[in-house]
Protein backbone atom coordinates (compact mmCIF):
# COMPACT_ATOMS: atom_id res chain seq x y z
CA MET A 1 -113.09 35.56 -105.46
CA PHE A 2 -113.43 38.92 -103.45
CA THR A 3 -111.38 41.87 -102.75
CA LEU A 4 -111.32 43.95 -99.54
CA ARG A 5 -110.25 47.35 -100.25
CA TYR A 6 -110.56 51.06 -99.17
CA MET A 7 -113.75 52.45 -100.83
CA ARG A 8 -113.12 55.10 -103.45
CA LEU A 9 -115.67 58.02 -104.18
CA GLN A 10 -116.86 55.80 -107.34
CA ASP A 11 -117.96 53.40 -105.05
CA VAL A 12 -120.44 55.49 -103.65
CA PRO A 13 -123.45 55.09 -105.71
CA HIS A 14 -122.85 51.12 -105.51
CA VAL A 15 -122.63 51.41 -101.39
CA MET A 16 -125.82 53.56 -101.22
CA VAL A 17 -127.77 50.65 -102.97
CA ILE A 18 -126.64 48.27 -100.54
CA ASP A 19 -127.50 50.82 -97.71
CA ARG A 20 -130.91 51.26 -98.96
CA LEU A 21 -131.56 47.74 -98.92
CA ALA A 22 -130.29 47.02 -95.47
CA PHE A 23 -131.26 49.89 -93.32
CA GLN A 24 -134.43 52.01 -93.03
CA THR A 25 -132.30 55.34 -92.38
CA PRO A 26 -129.48 55.02 -94.73
CA TRP A 27 -126.77 57.80 -95.02
CA SER A 28 -126.37 60.45 -97.46
CA MET A 29 -123.82 60.45 -100.56
CA ASN A 30 -122.60 63.45 -98.98
CA SER A 31 -121.94 61.76 -95.56
CA TYR A 32 -120.27 59.08 -97.92
CA ILE A 33 -118.26 61.69 -99.52
CA PHE A 34 -117.32 63.43 -96.15
CA GLU A 35 -115.89 59.93 -94.72
CA ILE A 36 -113.83 59.19 -97.83
CA ASN A 37 -112.35 62.62 -98.50
CA ASP A 38 -112.55 64.82 -95.13
CA ASN A 39 -112.43 62.53 -92.26
CA ARG A 40 -109.23 61.62 -91.22
CA SER A 41 -110.78 59.15 -88.36
CA ALA A 42 -112.63 57.22 -91.07
CA HIS A 43 -111.68 54.15 -92.57
CA MET A 44 -114.14 53.00 -94.74
CA ILE A 45 -113.93 49.69 -97.01
CA VAL A 46 -116.05 47.69 -99.43
CA LEU A 47 -115.93 43.86 -100.74
CA GLU A 48 -115.64 43.75 -104.24
CA GLN A 49 -116.76 40.41 -106.17
CA ASN A 50 -114.03 39.97 -108.78
CA SER A 51 -115.50 39.61 -112.29
CA GLU A 52 -115.05 41.12 -115.79
CA THR A 53 -117.46 44.31 -114.34
CA PRO A 54 -116.26 44.20 -110.42
CA LEU A 55 -119.34 44.41 -108.43
CA VAL A 56 -119.20 46.03 -104.72
CA VAL A 57 -121.33 43.35 -102.54
CA GLY A 58 -120.77 45.03 -99.31
CA TYR A 59 -118.97 47.75 -96.95
CA SER A 60 -118.09 48.64 -93.69
CA GLY A 61 -117.14 51.70 -92.00
CA MET A 62 -115.03 52.67 -89.00
CA TRP A 63 -114.12 55.73 -86.95
CA LEU A 64 -110.57 55.47 -85.14
CA ILE A 65 -110.59 58.15 -82.32
CA ASP A 66 -108.25 57.96 -78.94
CA GLY A 67 -107.55 54.00 -79.43
CA GLU A 68 -111.45 53.41 -79.99
CA ALA A 69 -112.30 51.79 -83.18
CA HIS A 70 -116.00 52.37 -83.66
CA ILE A 71 -117.73 50.11 -86.38
CA SER A 72 -120.28 52.73 -87.44
CA THR A 73 -121.83 50.76 -90.38
CA ILE A 74 -121.33 47.25 -91.79
CA ALA A 75 -123.65 45.69 -94.65
CA THR A 76 -123.90 43.16 -97.39
CA HIS A 77 -126.01 43.36 -100.61
CA PRO A 78 -129.15 40.83 -99.91
CA ASP A 79 -128.36 38.63 -102.90
CA TRP A 80 -124.85 38.21 -101.56
CA ARG A 81 -126.10 37.10 -97.60
CA GLY A 82 -125.47 33.92 -96.09
CA ARG A 83 -121.65 33.37 -97.99
CA GLY A 84 -119.53 34.74 -94.93
CA LEU A 85 -118.93 38.21 -96.68
CA GLY A 86 -120.28 39.93 -93.57
CA GLU A 87 -117.56 38.05 -91.82
CA VAL A 88 -114.82 39.02 -94.13
CA LEU A 89 -116.11 42.81 -93.46
CA LEU A 90 -116.12 42.22 -89.76
CA ALA A 91 -113.01 40.63 -89.51
CA GLY A 92 -111.37 43.15 -92.09
CA MET A 93 -112.36 45.90 -89.71
CA VAL A 94 -111.16 44.23 -86.56
CA LEU A 95 -107.75 43.44 -88.15
CA ARG A 96 -107.36 46.78 -89.68
CA SER A 97 -108.38 48.27 -85.94
CA MET A 98 -105.44 46.21 -84.65
CA HIS A 99 -102.78 47.37 -87.31
CA LEU A 100 -103.95 51.20 -86.23
CA GLY A 101 -103.16 50.34 -82.87
CA ALA A 102 -106.96 50.68 -81.53
CA THR A 103 -106.74 49.25 -77.81
CA TYR A 104 -110.57 48.28 -78.24
CA SER A 105 -113.50 48.15 -80.80
CA VAL A 106 -117.31 49.05 -80.16
CA LEU A 107 -120.24 49.04 -82.09
CA GLU A 108 -124.10 49.31 -82.03
CA VAL A 109 -126.52 46.72 -83.33
CA ARG A 110 -130.43 46.54 -82.87
CA VAL A 111 -131.35 44.16 -80.29
CA SER A 112 -133.60 42.11 -83.26
CA ASN A 113 -130.35 41.43 -85.41
CA VAL A 114 -129.79 37.98 -84.08
CA PRO A 115 -127.48 36.78 -86.81
CA ALA A 116 -125.27 40.26 -86.53
CA ILE A 117 -125.19 39.58 -82.96
CA ASN A 118 -124.01 36.25 -83.19
CA LEU A 119 -121.60 36.83 -85.73
CA TYR A 120 -120.21 39.73 -83.49
CA ARG A 121 -120.14 37.37 -80.38
CA LYS A 122 -117.76 35.27 -82.36
CA TYR A 123 -115.36 37.72 -82.66
CA GLU A 124 -115.94 38.29 -78.88
CA PHE A 125 -117.70 41.44 -78.83
CA GLN A 126 -119.81 41.55 -75.59
CA ILE A 127 -122.49 43.38 -75.00
CA VAL A 128 -122.13 45.93 -72.45
CA SER A 129 -125.38 48.15 -72.26
CA VAL A 130 -128.88 48.95 -73.89
CA ARG A 131 -129.53 52.04 -76.14
CA LYS A 132 -133.30 52.76 -75.43
CA GLY A 133 -134.78 54.05 -78.64
CA TYR A 134 -131.45 54.17 -80.32
CA TYR A 135 -132.72 53.91 -83.84
CA ARG A 136 -134.93 56.61 -85.12
CA ASP A 137 -136.88 54.75 -87.76
CA ASN A 138 -139.01 52.36 -85.23
CA ASN A 139 -137.58 53.39 -81.90
CA GLU A 140 -135.74 49.78 -81.44
CA ASP A 141 -133.02 49.19 -78.56
CA ALA A 142 -129.35 48.91 -79.99
CA TYR A 143 -126.88 46.83 -78.11
CA LEU A 144 -123.59 48.52 -77.40
CA MET A 145 -121.23 46.03 -77.79
CA HIS A 146 -117.58 46.28 -76.81
CA LEU A 147 -114.49 44.13 -77.83
CA THR A 148 -111.89 44.91 -75.39
CA PRO A 149 -108.63 44.40 -75.10
CA LEU A 150 -107.32 44.43 -78.55
CA ASP A 151 -103.98 42.67 -77.29
CA ALA A 152 -101.34 40.11 -78.03
CA ALA A 153 -103.67 37.19 -76.65
CA TYR A 154 -106.48 38.58 -78.72
CA ALA A 155 -104.52 38.84 -81.97
CA GLU A 156 -103.63 35.23 -81.44
CA ARG A 157 -107.18 33.79 -81.31
CA PHE A 158 -108.24 36.29 -84.20
CA ALA A 159 -105.06 35.01 -86.55
CA ALA A 160 -107.01 31.63 -86.12
CA ARG A 161 -110.19 32.82 -87.13
CA TRP A 162 -108.55 34.69 -89.93
CA ARG A 163 -107.30 31.74 -91.25
CA ALA A 164 -110.35 29.99 -90.92
CA LEU A 165 -112.00 32.63 -92.98
CA GLN A 166 -109.42 32.47 -95.65
CA ALA A 167 -110.01 28.73 -96.06
CA ARG A 168 -113.48 29.28 -96.33
CA VAL A 169 -114.17 32.62 -98.49
CA ALA A 170 -111.67 33.21 -101.37
CA PHE A 171 -110.82 36.81 -101.01
CA THR A 172 -107.82 39.06 -101.14
CA ASP A 173 -107.00 41.72 -98.35
CA LEU A 174 -105.82 44.92 -99.80
CA LEU A 175 -106.06 46.80 -96.51
CA SER A 176 -103.63 45.16 -94.31
CA LEU A 177 -99.78 45.34 -94.89
CA GLY A 178 -98.85 44.82 -91.03
CA ARG A 179 -100.83 41.99 -89.71
CA PRO A 180 -100.78 39.85 -86.31
CA SER A 181 -98.71 36.94 -86.75
CA GLY A 182 -100.58 34.32 -88.77
CA CYS A 183 -103.01 36.77 -90.57
CA GLU A 184 -100.98 37.00 -94.22
CA PRO A 185 -103.34 37.40 -97.36
CA ILE A 186 -104.25 34.73 -99.42
CA THR A 187 -104.14 35.76 -102.78
């Protein structure tokens, strides 16, 4: 069983471990602290394994500005990949975006990250352009992907994916109070 919830300051050291394992150029501790404490546009979340000693197994971040939900980061600890947890994080971000009134969502992804691209496509993100040399560590290109519009028709399609995900992965969603119809939490 897992819990999807907002990131707290005490989560940052655990998030940074995952960040270093997942990315060549991880964020700094001060970046996470700023996002949690000071950036009113930021929505930072974690996915925590429920156990006697809870363990952060993944995280994601989003900035909501003028109707755009920009997914800024998303990662799962390598030991926990292949279990649908990245999908829980992505779906949680999309659901939160809709709840907050975003009209569309964007993200960048390495052109070589085929598993992530496939997951984003599953949630209807489309490649709209290539950002040449976007990643500083190796000058790799990034796809800019858009999910638009986040309207009632999308919410209906999303609700079916959300229910299927809840049936496949046992998690509690502590983020969403208002949800598109059919996206109730399972606890």
